[in-house]
Amino acid sequence: MLLLAVVCVCFAESRNNYEISIAISPNTLALGSEGVWVTVHTDISYYKVEHESLTLNEPSTLSEIEIAWTKADSRGNLVAKFDIDQVKEAVKDQVGQQVELILKGDDIDGVPFEGSDYINVKK
């Protein structure tokens, strides 16, 4: 019975979130711009990600933006696209501020990961 408890504890600990690096483009979001996508470049393999799990989160307003589509970059890393109008809606009350956005998701083993970057918001 003790062995089972140790195995369960080790398994639970291995399921903790891990951090990835991301870079968000554009890094300055003009609310009046005519863009289509907010792009998130990552350092996690495209093939290691459960794509349907991806969201872009703005912590101060509790906004969660669903993924529009994904692709692999030239190095095989995940590139995630989000609808720019949904991102604008999430940050519209923060003009003149630097806003943290967090990409969250699960890898194909079900382990959660996240990475954050900051964008500037202007009219």
PDB file of N, CA and C in Angstrom:
ATOM      1  N   MET A   1       0.825  -1.185   0.000  1.00  0.00           N
ATOM      2  CA  MET A   1       0.000   0.000   0.000  1.00  0.00           C
ATOM      3  C   MET A   1       0.876   1.258   0.000  1.00  0.00           C
ATOM      4  N   LEU A   2       1.965   1.224   0.731  1.00  0.00           N
ATOM      5  CA  LEU A   2       2.867   2.370   0.777  1.00  0.00           C
ATOM      6  C   LEU A   2       3.459   2.652  -0.603  1.00  0.00           C
ATOM      7  N   LEU A   3       3.819   1.613  -1.325  1.00  0.00           N
ATOM      8  CA  LEU A   3       4.373   1.778  -2.665  1.00  0.00           C
ATOM      9  C   LEU A   3       3.377   2.485  -3.580  1.00  0.00           C
ATOM     10  N   LEU A   4       2.124   2.113  -3.498  1.00  0.00           N
ATOM     11  CA  LEU A   4       1.086   2.745  -4.306  1.00  0.00           C
ATOM     12  C   LEU A   4       0.976   4.234  -3.979  1.00  0.00           C
ATOM     13  N   ALA A   5       1.043   4.587  -2.719  1.00  0.00           N
ATOM     14  CA  ALA A   5       0.964   5.992  -2.309  1.00  0.00           C
ATOM     15  C   ALA A   5       2.140   6.787  -2.862  1.00  0.00           C
ATOM     16  N   VAL A   6       3.334   6.217  -2.827  1.00  0.00           N
ATOM     17  CA  VAL A   6       4.519   6.890  -3.345  1.00  0.00           C
ATOM     18  C   VAL A   6       4.398   7.086  -4.852  1.00  0.00           C
ATOM     19  N   VAL A   7       3.931   6.073  -5.556  1.00  0.00           N
ATOM     20  CA  VAL A   7       3.752   6.178  -7.001  1.00  0.00           C
ATOM     21  C   VAL A   7       2.734   7.265  -7.330  1.00  0.00           C
ATOM     22  N   CYS A   8       1.642   7.337  -6.601  1.00  0.00           N
ATOM     23  CA  CYS A   8       0.612   8.349  -6.848  1.00  0.00           C
ATOM     24  C   CYS A   8       1.141   9.755  -6.609  1.00  0.00           C
ATOM     25  N   VAL A   9       1.899   9.945  -5.556  1.00  0.00           N
ATOM     26  CA  VAL A   9       2.459  11.257  -5.253  1.00  0.00           C
ATOM     27  C   VAL A   9       3.439  11.671  -6.348  1.00  0.00           C
ATOM     28  N   CYS A  10       4.285  10.773  -6.793  1.00  0.00           N
ATOM     29  CA  CYS A  10       5.247  11.098  -7.846  1.00  0.00           C
ATOM     30  C   CYS A  10       4.536  11.441  -9.144  1.00  0.00           C
ATOM     31  N   PHE A  11       3.506  10.697  -9.493  1.00  0.00           N
ATOM     32  CA  PHE A  11       2.748  10.967 -10.710  1.00  0.00           C
ATOM     33  C   PHE A  11       2.078  12.325 -10.621  1.00  0.00           C
ATOM     34  N   ALA A  12       1.487  12.645  -9.491  1.00  0.00           N
ATOM     35  CA  ALA A  12       0.810  13.934  -9.327  1.00  0.00           C
ATOM     36  C   ALA A  12       1.799  15.084  -9.450  1.00  0.00           C
ATOM     37  N   GLU A  13       2.982  14.933  -8.895  1.00  0.00           N
ATOM     38  CA  GLU A  13       3.974  15.996  -8.968  1.00  0.00           C
ATOM     39  C   GLU A  13       4.458  16.213 -10.393  1.00  0.00           C
ATOM     40  N   SER A  14       4.511  15.153 -11.203  1.00  0.00           N
ATOM     41  CA  SER A  14       4.997  15.301 -12.564  1.00  0.00           C
ATOM     42  C   SER A  14       3.981  15.996 -13.466  1.00  0.00           C
ATOM     43  N   ARG A  15       2.757  16.230 -13.002  1.00  0.00           N
ATOM     44  CA  ARG A  15       1.710  16.858 -13.792  1.00  0.00           C
ATOM     45  C   ARG A  15       1.642  18.370 -13.563  1.00  0.00           C
ATOM     46  N   ASN A  16       2.581  18.932 -12.837  1.00  0.00           N
ATOM     47  CA  ASN A  16       2.573  20.370 -12.573  1.00  0.00           C
ATOM     48  C   ASN A  16       2.774  21.157 -13.858  1.00  0.00           C
ATOM     49  N   ASN A  17       2.245  22.381 -13.861  1.00  0.00           N
ATOM     50  CA  ASN A  17       2.460  23.291 -14.988  1.00  0.00           C
ATOM     51  C   ASN A  17       3.943  23.475 -15.243  1.00  0.00           C
ATOM     52  N   TYR A  18       4.280  23.720 -16.493  1.00  0.00           N
ATOM     53  CA  TYR A  18       5.638  24.143 -16.796  1.00  0.00           C
ATOM     54  C   TYR A  18       5.579  25.373 -17.685  1.00  0.00           C
ATOM     55  N   GLU A  19       6.667  26.123 -17.656  1.00  0.00           N
ATOM     56  CA  GLU A  19       6.744  27.401 -18.362  1.00  0.00           C
ATOM     57  C   GLU A  19       7.335  27.212 -19.756  1.00  0.00           C
ATOM     58  N   ILE A  20       6.791  27.963 -20.710  1.00  0.00           N
ATOM     59  CA  ILE A  20       7.379  28.063 -22.034  1.00  0.00           C
ATOM     60  C   ILE A  20       7.646  29.543 -22.308  1.00  0.00           C
ATOM     61  N   SER A  21       8.493  29.816 -23.283  1.00  0.00           N
ATOM     62  CA  SER A  21       8.748  31.200 -23.695  1.00  0.00           C
ATOM     63  C   SER A  21       7.838  31.541 -24.861  1.00  0.00           C
ATOM     64  N   ILE A  22       7.271  32.759 -24.829  1.00  0.00           N
ATOM     65  CA  ILE A  22       6.439  33.214 -25.936  1.00  0.00           C
ATOM     66  C   ILE A  22       6.812  34.643 -26.312  1.00  0.00           C
ATOM     67  N   ALA A  23       6.493  34.999 -27.540  1.00  0.00           N
ATOM     68  CA  ALA A  23       6.625  36.377 -28.021  1.00  0.00           C
ATOM     69  C   ALA A  23       5.353  36.700 -28.793  1.00  0.00           C
ATOM     70  N   ILE A  24       4.692  37.789 -28.408  1.00  0.00           N
ATOM     71  CA  ILE A  24       3.419  38.173 -29.009  1.00  0.00           C
ATOM     72  C   ILE A  24       3.646  39.279 -30.034  1.00  0.00           C
ATOM     73  N   SER A  25       2.981  39.125 -31.172  1.00  0.00           N
ATOM     74  CA  SER A  25       3.049  40.112 -32.240  1.00  0.00           C
ATOM     75  C   SER A  25       1.628  40.454 -32.685  1.00  0.00           C
ATOM     76  N   PRO A  26       1.264  41.697 -32.778  1.00  0.00           N
ATOM     77  CA  PRO A  26       2.112  42.871 -32.567  1.00  0.00           C
ATOM     78  C   PRO A  26       2.370  43.104 -31.081  1.00  0.00           C
ATOM     79  N   ASN A  27       3.523  43.708 -30.782  1.00  0.00           N
ATOM     80  CA  ASN A  27       3.821  43.988 -29.373  1.00  0.00           C
ATOM     81  C   ASN A  27       3.182  45.291 -28.908  1.00  0.00           C
ATOM     82  N   THR A  28       2.680  46.088 -29.851  1.00  0.00           N
ATOM     83  CA  THR A  28       1.836  47.240 -29.533  1.00  0.00           C
ATOM     84  C   THR A  28       0.523  47.050 -30.272  1.00  0.00           C
ATOM     85  N   LEU A  29      -0.558  47.012 -29.531  1.00  0.00           N
ATOM     86  CA  LEU A  29      -1.878  46.792 -30.108  1.00  0.00           C
ATOM     87  C   LEU A  29      -2.633  48.111 -30.128  1.00  0.00           C
ATOM     88  N   ALA A  30      -2.876  48.618 -31.331  1.00  0.00           N
ATOM     89  CA  ALA A  30      -3.653  49.843 -31.507  1.00  0.00           C
ATOM     90  C   ALA A  30      -5.117  49.445 -31.673  1.00  0.00           C
ATOM     91  N   LEU A  31      -5.960  49.915 -30.765  1.00  0.00           N
ATOM     92  CA  LEU A  31      -7.370  49.520 -30.789  1.00  0.00           C
ATOM     93  C   LEU A  31      -8.066  49.935 -32.079  1.00  0.00           C
ATOM     94  N   GLY A  32      -7.561  50.961 -32.750  1.00  0.00           N
ATOM     95  CA  GLY A  32      -8.157  51.411 -34.000  1.00  0.00           C
ATOM     96  C   GLY A  32      -7.560  50.764 -35.242  1.00  0.00           C
ATOM     97  N   SER A  33      -6.645  49.828 -35.062  1.00  0.00           N
ATOM     98  CA  SER A  33      -5.974  49.209 -36.209  1.00  0.00           C
ATOM     99  C   SER A  33      -6.909  48.258 -36.953  1.00  0.00           C
ATOM    100  N   GLU A  34      -6.521  47.934 -38.168  1.00  0.00           N
ATOM    101  CA  GLU A  34      -7.326  47.070 -39.034  1.00  0.00           C
ATOM    102  C   GLU A  34      -6.761  45.651 -39.106  1.00  0.00           C
ATOM    103  N   GLY A  35      -5.945  45.238 -38.184  1.00  0.00           N
ATOM    104  CA  GLY A  35      -5.330  43.919 -38.238  1.00  0.00           C
ATOM    105  C   GLY A  35      -6.336  42.784 -38.149  1.00  0.00           C
ATOM    106  N   VAL A  36      -5.840  41.560 -38.357  1.00  0.00           N
ATOM    107  CA  VAL A  36      -6.687  40.370 -38.328  1.00  0.00           C
ATOM    108  C   VAL A  36      -6.314  39.444 -37.177  1.00  0.00           C
ATOM    109  N   TRP A  37      -5.009  39.257 -36.945  1.00  0.00           N
ATOM    110  CA  TRP A  37      -4.549  38.268 -35.971  1.00  0.00           C
ATOM    111  C   TRP A  37      -3.608  38.873 -34.938  1.00  0.00           C
ATOM    112  N   VAL A  38      -3.637  38.299 -33.751  1.00  0.00           N
ATOM    113  CA  VAL A  38      -2.561  38.428 -32.778  1.00  0.00           C
ATOM    114  C   VAL A  38      -1.843  37.090 -32.833  1.00  0.00           C
ATOM    115  N   THR A  39      -0.542  37.132 -33.053  1.00  0.00           N
ATOM    116  CA  THR A  39       0.249  35.918 -33.246  1.00  0.00           C
ATOM    117  C   THR A  39       1.121  35.682 -32.024  1.00  0.00           C
ATOM    118  N   VAL A  40       1.140  34.437 -31.564  1.00  0.00           N
ATOM    119  CA  VAL A  40       1.974  34.053 -30.429  1.00  0.00           C
ATOM    120  C   VAL A  40       2.993  33.031 -30.919  1.00  0.00           C
ATOM    121  N   HIS A  41       4.272  33.411 -30.873  1.00  0.00           N
ATOM    122  CA  HIS A  41       5.369  32.513 -31.228  1.00  0.00           C
ATOM    123  C   HIS A  41       5.859  31.857 -29.938  1.00  0.00           C
ATOM    124  N   THR A  42       6.138  30.561 -29.995  1.00  0.00           N
ATOM    125  CA  THR A  42       6.529  29.824 -28.790  1.00  0.00           C
ATOM    126  C   THR A  42       7.829  29.056 -29.005  1.00  0.00           C
ATOM    127  N   ASP A  43       8.314  28.468 -27.913  1.00  0.00           N
ATOM    128  CA  ASP A  43       9.480  27.593 -27.998  1.00  0.00           C
ATOM    129  C   ASP A  43       9.115  26.137 -27.709  1.00  0.00           C
ATOM    130  N   ILE A  44       7.829  25.778 -27.833  1.00  0.00           N
ATOM    131  CA  ILE A  44       7.390  24.403 -27.622  1.00  0.00           C
ATOM    132  C   ILE A  44       7.087  23.775 -28.986  1.00  0.00           C
ATOM    133  N   SER A  45       7.431  22.520 -29.145  1.00  0.00           N
ATOM    134  CA  SER A  45       7.206  21.831 -30.410  1.00  0.00           C
ATOM    135  C   SER A  45       5.725  21.809 -30.774  1.00  0.00           C
ATOM    136  N   TYR A  46       5.437  22.131 -32.013  1.00  0.00           N
ATOM    137  CA  TYR A  46       4.067  22.100 -32.540  1.00  0.00           C
ATOM    138  C   TYR A  46       3.436  20.729 -32.309  1.00  0.00           C
ATOM    139  N   TYR A  47       4.242  19.698 -32.433  1.00  0.00           N
ATOM    140  CA  TYR A  47       3.744  18.324 -32.354  1.00  0.00           C
ATOM    141  C   TYR A  47       3.577  17.832 -30.923  1.00  0.00           C
ATOM    142  N   LYS A  48       3.974  18.632 -29.954  1.00  0.00           N
ATOM    143  CA  LYS A  48       3.854  18.254 -28.546  1.00  0.00           C
ATOM    144  C   LYS A  48       2.610  18.867 -27.895  1.00  0.00           C
ATOM    145  N   VAL A  49       1.823  19.648 -28.652  1.00  0.00           N
ATOM    146  CA  VAL A  49       0.735  20.444 -28.083  1.00  0.00           C
ATOM    147  C   VAL A  49      -0.629  19.874 -28.447  1.00  0.00           C
ATOM    148  N   GLU A  50      -1.525  19.857 -27.468  1.00  0.00           N
ATOM    149  CA  GLU A  50      -2.941  19.563 -27.702  1.00  0.00           C
ATOM    150  C   GLU A  50      -3.577  20.891 -28.124  1.00  0.00           C
ATOM    151  N   HIS A  51      -3.696  21.112 -29.414  1.00  0.00           N
ATOM    152  CA  HIS A  51      -4.035  22.429 -29.965  1.00  0.00           C
ATOM    153  C   HIS A  51      -5.384  22.965 -29.493  1.00  0.00           C
ATOM    154  N   GLU A  52      -6.355  22.099 -29.310  1.00  0.00           N
ATOM    155  CA  GLU A  52      -7.684  22.546 -28.877  1.00  0.00           C
ATOM    156  C   GLU A  52      -7.680  23.104 -27.455  1.00  0.00           C
ATOM    157  N   SER A  53      -6.628  22.838 -26.700  1.00  0.00           N
ATOM    158  CA  SER A  53      -6.557  23.308 -25.310  1.00  0.00           C
ATOM    159  C   SER A  53      -6.043  24.741 -25.194  1.00  0.00           C
ATOM    160  N   LEU A  54      -5.553  25.318 -26.272  1.00  0.00           N
ATOM    161  CA  LEU A  54      -4.881  26.620 -26.215  1.00  0.00           C
ATOM    162  C   LEU A  54      -5.851  27.776 -26.005  1.00  0.00           C
ATOM    163  N   THR A  55      -5.488  28.661 -25.080  1.00  0.00           N
ATOM    164  CA  THR A  55      -6.217  29.911 -24.865  1.00  0.00           C
ATOM    165  C   THR A  55      -5.203  31.018 -24.585  1.00  0.00           C
ATOM    166  N   LEU A  56      -5.620  32.235 -24.878  1.00  0.00           N
ATOM    167  CA  LEU A  56      -4.840  33.419 -24.531  1.00  0.00           C
ATOM    168  C   LEU A  56      -5.617  34.137 -23.449  1.00  0.00           C
ATOM    169  N   ASN A  57      -4.970  34.392 -22.327  1.00  0.00           N
ATOM    170  CA  ASN A  57      -5.656  34.927 -21.154  1.00  0.00           C
ATOM    171  C   ASN A  57      -5.112  36.290 -20.771  1.00  0.00           C
ATOM    172  N   GLU A  58      -6.031  37.154 -20.361  1.00  0.00           N
ATOM    173  CA  GLU A  58      -5.671  38.467 -19.831  1.00  0.00           C
ATOM    174  C   GLU A  58      -6.095  38.448 -18.367  1.00  0.00           C
ATOM    175  N   PRO A  59      -5.139  38.285 -17.446  1.00  0.00           N
ATOM    176  CA  PRO A  59      -5.460  38.016 -16.045  1.00  0.00           C
ATOM    177  C   PRO A  59      -6.295  39.074 -15.332  1.00  0.00           C
ATOM    178  N   SER A  60      -6.068  40.360 -15.597  1.00  0.00           N
ATOM    179  CA  SER A  60      -6.759  41.377 -14.797  1.00  0.00           C
ATOM    180  C   SER A  60      -8.247  41.464 -15.106  1.00  0.00           C
ATOM    181  N   THR A  61      -8.656  41.082 -16.310  1.00  0.00           N
ATOM    182  CA  THR A  61     -10.086  41.102 -16.646  1.00  0.00           C
ATOM    183  C   THR A  61     -10.675  39.700 -16.715  1.00  0.00           C
ATOM    184  N   LEU A  62      -9.855  38.708 -16.448  1.00  0.00           N
ATOM    185  CA  LEU A  62     -10.263  37.302 -16.504  1.00  0.00           C
ATOM    186  C   LEU A  62     -10.755  36.892 -17.890  1.00  0.00           C
ATOM    187  N   SER A  63     -10.289  37.584 -18.918  1.00  0.00           N
ATOM    188  CA  SER A  63     -10.673  37.250 -20.289  1.00  0.00           C
ATOM    189  C   SER A  63      -9.916  36.017 -20.759  1.00  0.00           C
ATOM    190  N   GLU A  64     -10.626  35.156 -21.495  1.00  0.00           N
ATOM    191  CA  GLU A  64     -10.015  33.965 -22.073  1.00  0.00           C
ATOM    192  C   GLU A  64     -10.401  33.914 -23.544  1.00  0.00           C
ATOM    193  N   ILE A  65      -9.414  33.960 -24.409  1.00  0.00           N
ATOM    194  CA  ILE A  65      -9.638  34.016 -25.850  1.00  0.00           C
ATOM    195  C   ILE A  65      -9.264  32.664 -26.445  1.00  0.00           C
ATOM    196  N   GLU A  66     -10.193  32.086 -27.200  1.00  0.00           N
ATOM    197  CA  GLU A  66      -9.944  30.783 -27.804  1.00  0.00           C
ATOM    198  C   GLU A  66      -9.059  30.917 -29.037  1.00  0.00           C
ATOM    199  N   ILE A  67      -8.335  29.854 -29.300  1.00  0.00           N
ATOM    200  CA  ILE A  67      -7.432  29.797 -30.441  1.00  0.00           C
ATOM    201  C   ILE A  67      -8.226  29.875 -31.748  1.00  0.00           C
ATOM    202  N   ALA A  68      -7.683  30.575 -32.741  1.00  0.00           N
ATOM    203  CA  ALA A  68      -8.289  30.590 -34.078  1.00  0.00           C
ATOM    204  C   ALA A  68      -7.677  29.477 -34.935  1.00  0.00           C
ATOM    205  N   TRP A  69      -6.338  29.445 -34.974  1.00  0.00           N
ATOM    206  CA  TRP A  69      -5.652  28.372 -35.693  1.00  0.00           C
ATOM    207  C   TRP A  69      -4.183  28.340 -35.293  1.00  0.00           C
ATOM    208  N   THR A  70      -3.516  27.264 -35.684  1.00  0.00           N
ATOM    209  CA  THR A  70      -2.112  27.077 -35.332  1.00  0.00           C
ATOM    210  C   THR A  70      -1.332  26.612 -36.555  1.00  0.00           C
ATOM    211  N   LYS A  71      -0.017  26.741 -36.439  1.00  0.00           N
ATOM    212  CA  LYS A  71       0.888  26.199 -37.452  1.00  0.00           C
ATOM    213  C   LYS A  71       2.244  25.986 -36.794  1.00  0.00           C
ATOM    214  N   ALA A  72       3.139  25.334 -37.517  1.00  0.00           N
ATOM    215  CA  ALA A  72       4.516  25.172 -37.063  1.00  0.00           C
ATOM    216  C   ALA A  72       5.380  26.201 -37.777  1.00  0.00           C
ATOM    217  N   ASP A  73       6.340  26.778 -37.048  1.00  0.00           N
ATOM    218  CA  ASP A  73       7.281  27.688 -37.699  1.00  0.00           C
ATOM    219  C   ASP A  73       8.396  26.875 -38.356  1.00  0.00           C
ATOM    220  N   SER A  74       9.407  27.534 -38.880  1.00  0.00           N
ATOM    221  CA  SER A  74      10.482  26.847 -39.605  1.00  0.00           C
ATOM    222  C   SER A  74      11.320  25.935 -38.711  1.00  0.00           C
ATOM    223  N   ARG A  75      11.220  26.109 -37.395  1.00  0.00           N
ATOM    224  CA  ARG A  75      11.945  25.243 -36.453  1.00  0.00           C
ATOM    225  C   ARG A  75      11.056  24.150 -35.884  1.00  0.00           C
ATOM    226  N   GLY A  76       9.793  24.110 -36.302  1.00  0.00           N
ATOM    227  CA  GLY A  76       8.861  23.103 -35.792  1.00  0.00           C
ATOM    228  C   GLY A  76       8.170  23.509 -34.507  1.00  0.00           C
ATOM    229  N   ASN A  77       8.313  24.779 -34.112  1.00  0.00           N
ATOM    230  CA  ASN A  77       7.672  25.260 -32.885  1.00  0.00           C
ATOM    231  C   ASN A  77       6.272  25.794 -33.173  1.00  0.00           C
ATOM    232  N   LEU A  78       5.446  25.769 -32.149  1.00  0.00           N
ATOM    233  CA  LEU A  78       4.066  26.220 -32.242  1.00  0.00           C
ATOM    234  C   LEU A  78       3.974  27.718 -32.497  1.00  0.00           C
ATOM    235  N   VAL A  79       3.127  28.086 -33.450  1.00  0.00           N
ATOM    236  CA  VAL A  79       2.704  29.466 -33.670  1.00  0.00           C
ATOM    237  C   VAL A  79       1.184  29.448 -33.556  1.00  0.00           C
ATOM    238  N   ALA A  80       0.642  30.259 -32.652  1.00  0.00           N
ATOM    239  CA  ALA A  80      -0.805  30.288 -32.405  1.00  0.00           C
ATOM    240  C   ALA A  80      -1.373  31.625 -32.852  1.00  0.00           C
ATOM    241  N   LYS A  81      -2.531  31.578 -33.495  1.00  0.00           N
ATOM    242  CA  LYS A  81      -3.194  32.789 -33.988  1.00  0.00           C
ATOM    243  C   LYS A  81      -4.500  32.997 -33.227  1.00  0.00           C
ATOM    244  N   PHE A  82      -4.725  34.257 -32.825  1.00  0.00           N
ATOM    245  CA  PHE A  82      -5.937  34.641 -32.106  1.00  0.00           C
ATOM    246  C   PHE A  82      -6.583  35.812 -32.824  1.00  0.00           C
ATOM    247  N   ASP A  83      -7.908  35.847 -32.845  1.00  0.00           N
ATOM    248  CA  ASP A  83      -8.655  36.920 -33.489  1.00  0.00           C
ATOM    249  C   ASP A  83      -8.333  38.246 -32.805  1.00  0.00           C
ATOM    250  N   ILE A  84      -7.848  39.205 -33.570  1.00  0.00           N
ATOM    251  CA  ILE A  84      -7.411  40.482 -32.995  1.00  0.00           C
ATOM    252  C   ILE A  84      -8.561  41.233 -32.327  1.00  0.00           C
ATOM    253  N   ASP A  85      -9.782  41.109 -32.869  1.00  0.00           N
ATOM    254  CA  ASP A  85     -10.920  41.818 -32.271  1.00  0.00           C
ATOM    255  C   ASP A  85     -11.244  41.286 -30.876  1.00  0.00           C
ATOM    256  N   GLN A  86     -11.066  39.982 -30.662  1.00  0.00           N
ATOM    257  CA  GLN A  86     -11.290  39.417 -29.328  1.00  0.00           C
ATOM    258  C   GLN A  86     -10.228  39.896 -28.349  1.00  0.00           C
ATOM    259  N   VAL A  87      -8.997  40.018 -28.817  1.00  0.00           N
ATOM    260  CA  VAL A  87      -7.921  40.524 -27.958  1.00  0.00           C
ATOM    261  C   VAL A  87      -8.178  41.995 -27.633  1.00  0.00           C
ATOM    262  N   LYS A  88      -8.575  42.775 -28.637  1.00  0.00           N
ATOM    263  CA  LYS A  88      -8.890  44.191 -28.398  1.00  0.00           C
ATOM    264  C   LYS A  88      -9.990  44.335 -27.353  1.00  0.00           C
ATOM    265  N   GLU A  89     -11.003  43.508 -27.439  1.00  0.00           N
ATOM    266  CA  GLU A  89     -12.104  43.551 -26.470  1.00  0.00           C
ATOM    267  C   GLU A  89     -11.589  43.278 -25.057  1.00  0.00           C
ATOM    268  N   ALA A  90     -10.652  42.352 -24.930  1.00  0.00           N
ATOM    269  CA  ALA A  90     -10.125  41.981 -23.614  1.00  0.00           C
ATOM    270  C   ALA A  90      -9.281  43.083 -22.985  1.00  0.00           C
ATOM    271  N   VAL A  91      -8.644  43.920 -23.815  1.00  0.00           N
ATOM    272  CA  VAL A  91      -7.712  44.925 -23.283  1.00  0.00           C
ATOM    273  C   VAL A  91      -8.191  46.359 -23.485  1.00  0.00           C
ATOM    274  N   LYS A  92      -9.400  46.556 -23.966  1.00  0.00           N
ATOM    275  CA  LYS A  92      -9.886  47.890 -24.365  1.00  0.00           C
ATOM    276  C   LYS A  92      -9.874  48.921 -23.244  1.00  0.00           C
ATOM    277  N   ASP A  93      -9.967  48.500 -22.000  1.00  0.00           N
ATOM    278  CA  ASP A  93      -9.982  49.434 -20.875  1.00  0.00           C
ATOM    279  C   ASP A  93      -8.587  49.714 -20.325  1.00  0.00           C
ATOM    280  N   GLN A  94      -7.557  49.289 -21.042  1.00  0.00           N
ATOM    281  CA  GLN A  94      -6.194  49.431 -20.543  1.00  0.00           C
ATOM    282  C   GLN A  94      -5.311  50.238 -21.496  1.00  0.00           C
ATOM    283  N   VAL A  95      -5.910  51.212 -22.167  1.00  0.00           N
ATOM    284  CA  VAL A  95      -5.169  52.078 -23.091  1.00  0.00           C
ATOM    285  C   VAL A  95      -4.054  52.793 -22.326  1.00  0.00           C
ATOM    286  N   GLY A  96      -2.886  52.837 -22.934  1.00  0.00           N
ATOM    287  CA  GLY A  96      -1.735  53.489 -22.322  1.00  0.00           C
ATOM    288  C   GLY A  96      -0.987  52.607 -21.339  1.00  0.00           C
ATOM    289  N   GLN A  97      -1.389  51.373 -21.230  1.00  0.00           N
ATOM    290  CA  GLN A  97      -0.752  50.465 -20.277  1.00  0.00           C
ATOM    291  C   GLN A  97      -0.046  49.323 -20.997  1.00  0.00           C
ATOM    292  N   GLN A  98       0.839  48.693 -20.246  1.00  0.00           N
ATOM    293  CA  GLN A  98       1.465  47.463 -20.688  1.00  0.00           C
ATOM    294  C   GLN A  98       0.660  46.328 -20.066  1.00  0.00           C
ATOM    295  N   VAL A  99       0.190  45.404 -20.889  1.00  0.00           N
ATOM    296  CA  VAL A  99      -0.731  44.362 -20.446  1.00  0.00           C
ATOM    297  C   VAL A  99      -0.084  42.989 -20.619  1.00  0.00           C
ATOM    298  N   GLU A 100      -0.174  42.175 -19.573  1.00  0.00           N
ATOM    299  CA  GLU A 100       0.328  40.806 -19.653  1.00  0.00           C
ATOM    300  C   GLU A 100      -0.725  39.913 -20.299  1.00  0.00           C
ATOM    301  N   LEU A 101      -0.294  39.122 -21.279  1.00  0.00           N
ATOM    302  CA  LEU A 101      -1.136  38.092 -21.871  1.00  0.00           C
ATOM    303  C   LEU A 101      -0.460  36.748 -21.634  1.00  0.00           C
ATOM    304  N   ILE A 102      -1.261  35.748 -21.295  1.00  0.00           N
ATOM    305  CA  ILE A 102      -0.729  34.433 -20.949  1.00  0.00           C
ATOM    306  C   ILE A 102      -1.306  33.387 -21.891  1.00  0.00           C
ATOM    307  N   LEU A 103      -0.429  32.664 -22.575  1.00  0.00           N
ATOM    308  CA  LEU A 103      -0.838  31.527 -23.383  1.00  0.00           C
ATOM    309  C   LEU A 103      -0.874  30.312 -22.472  1.00  0.00           C
ATOM    310  N   LYS A 104      -2.027  29.630 -22.445  1.00  0.00           N
ATOM    311  CA  LYS A 104      -2.172  28.423 -21.638  1.00  0.00           C
ATOM    312  C   LYS A 104      -2.613  27.278 -22.527  1.00  0.00           C
ATOM    313  N   GLY A 105      -2.177  26.084 -22.163  1.00  0.00           N
ATOM    314  CA  GLY A 105      -2.583  24.902 -22.905  1.00  0.00           C
ATOM    315  C   GLY A 105      -2.070  23.651 -22.233  1.00  0.00           C
ATOM    316  N   ASP A 106      -2.320  22.527 -22.884  1.00  0.00           N
ATOM    317  CA  ASP A 106      -1.846  21.229 -22.411  1.00  0.00           C
ATOM    318  C   ASP A 106      -0.992  20.602 -23.500  1.00  0.00           C
ATOM    319  N   ASP A 107       0.020  19.853 -23.068  1.00  0.00           N
ATOM    320  CA  ASP A 107       0.770  19.093 -24.057  1.00  0.00           C
ATOM    321  C   ASP A 107       0.030  17.781 -24.340  1.00  0.00           C
ATOM    322  N   ILE A 108       0.541  16.978 -25.245  1.00  0.00           N
ATOM    323  CA  ILE A 108      -0.172  15.764 -25.654  1.00  0.00           C
ATOM    324  C   ILE A 108      -0.231  14.714 -24.551  1.00  0.00           C
ATOM    325  N   ASP A 109       0.540  14.905 -23.496  1.00  0.00           N
ATOM    326  CA  ASP A 109       0.472  14.015 -22.336  1.00  0.00           C
ATOM    327  C   ASP A 109      -0.489  14.540 -21.282  1.00  0.00           C
ATOM    328  N   GLY A 110      -1.158  15.658 -21.567  1.00  0.00           N
ATOM    329  CA  GLY A 110      -2.121  16.233 -20.628  1.00  0.00           C
ATOM    330  C   GLY A 110      -1.507  17.123 -19.570  1.00  0.00           C
ATOM    331  N   VAL A 111      -0.230  17.446 -19.704  1.00  0.00           N
ATOM    332  CA  VAL A 111       0.443  18.292 -18.718  1.00  0.00           C
ATOM    333  C   VAL A 111       0.261  19.762 -19.125  1.00  0.00           C
ATOM    334  N   PRO A 112      -0.258  20.601 -18.212  1.00  0.00           N
ATOM    335  CA  PRO A 112      -0.476  22.012 -18.539  1.00  0.00           C
ATOM    336  C   PRO A 112       0.835  22.793 -18.646  1.00  0.00           C
ATOM    337  N   PHE A 113       0.828  23.771 -19.544  1.00  0.00           N
ATOM    338  CA  PHE A 113       1.963  24.686 -19.672  1.00  0.00           C
ATOM    339  C   PHE A 113       1.415  26.091 -19.858  1.00  0.00           C
ATOM    340  N   GLU A 114       2.282  27.061 -19.646  1.00  0.00           N
ATOM    341  CA  GLU A 114       1.902  28.447 -19.908  1.00  0.00           C
ATOM    342  C   GLU A 114       3.146  29.294 -20.131  1.00  0.00           C
ATOM    343  N   GLY A 115       2.928  30.391 -20.827  1.00  0.00           N
ATOM    344  CA  GLY A 115       3.979  31.373 -21.059  1.00  0.00           C
ATOM    345  C   GLY A 115       3.341  32.744 -21.161  1.00  0.00           C
ATOM    346  N   SER A 116       4.075  33.781 -20.789  1.00  0.00           N
ATOM    347  CA  SER A 116       3.490  35.122 -20.821  1.00  0.00           C
ATOM    348  C   SER A 116       4.410  36.108 -21.525  1.00  0.00           C
ATOM    349  N   ASP A 117       3.772  37.149 -22.032  1.00  0.00           N
ATOM    350  CA  ASP A 117       4.471  38.254 -22.674  1.00  0.00           C
ATOM    351  C   ASP A 117       3.614  39.497 -22.453  1.00  0.00           C
ATOM    352  N   TYR A 118       4.197  40.656 -22.675  1.00  0.00           N
ATOM    353  CA  TYR A 118       3.492  41.924 -22.479  1.00  0.00           C
ATOM    354  C   TYR A 118       3.314  42.627 -23.814  1.00  0.00           C
ATOM    355  N   ILE A 119       2.158  43.287 -23.955  1.00  0.00           N
ATOM    356  CA  ILE A 119       1.914  44.144 -25.108  1.00  0.00           C
ATOM    357  C   ILE A 119       1.545  45.532 -24.598  1.00  0.00           C
ATOM    358  N   ASN A 120       1.796  46.532 -25.421  1.00  0.00           N
ATOM    359  CA  ASN A 120       1.361  47.895 -25.128  1.00  0.00           C
ATOM    360  C   ASN A 120       0.028  48.123 -25.823  1.00  0.00           C
ATOM    361  N   VAL A 121      -0.887  48.800 -25.145  1.00  0.00           N
ATOM    362  CA  VAL A 121      -2.210  49.065 -25.708  1.00  0.00           C
ATOM    363  C   VAL A 121      -2.338  50.563 -25.945  1.00  0.00           C
ATOM    364  N   LYS A 122      -2.734  50.925 -27.164  1.00  0.00           N
ATOM    365  CA  LYS A 122      -2.966  52.339 -27.471  1.00  0.00           C
ATOM    366  C   LYS A 122      -4.230  52.471 -28.309  1.00  0.00           C
ATOM    367  N   LYS A 123      -4.738  53.719 -28.374  1.00  0.00           N
ATOM    368  CA  LYS A 123      -5.968  53.973 -29.146  1.00  0.00           C
ATOM    369  C   LYS A 123      -5.761  53.753 -30.616  1.00  0.00           C
TER     370      LYS A 123
END
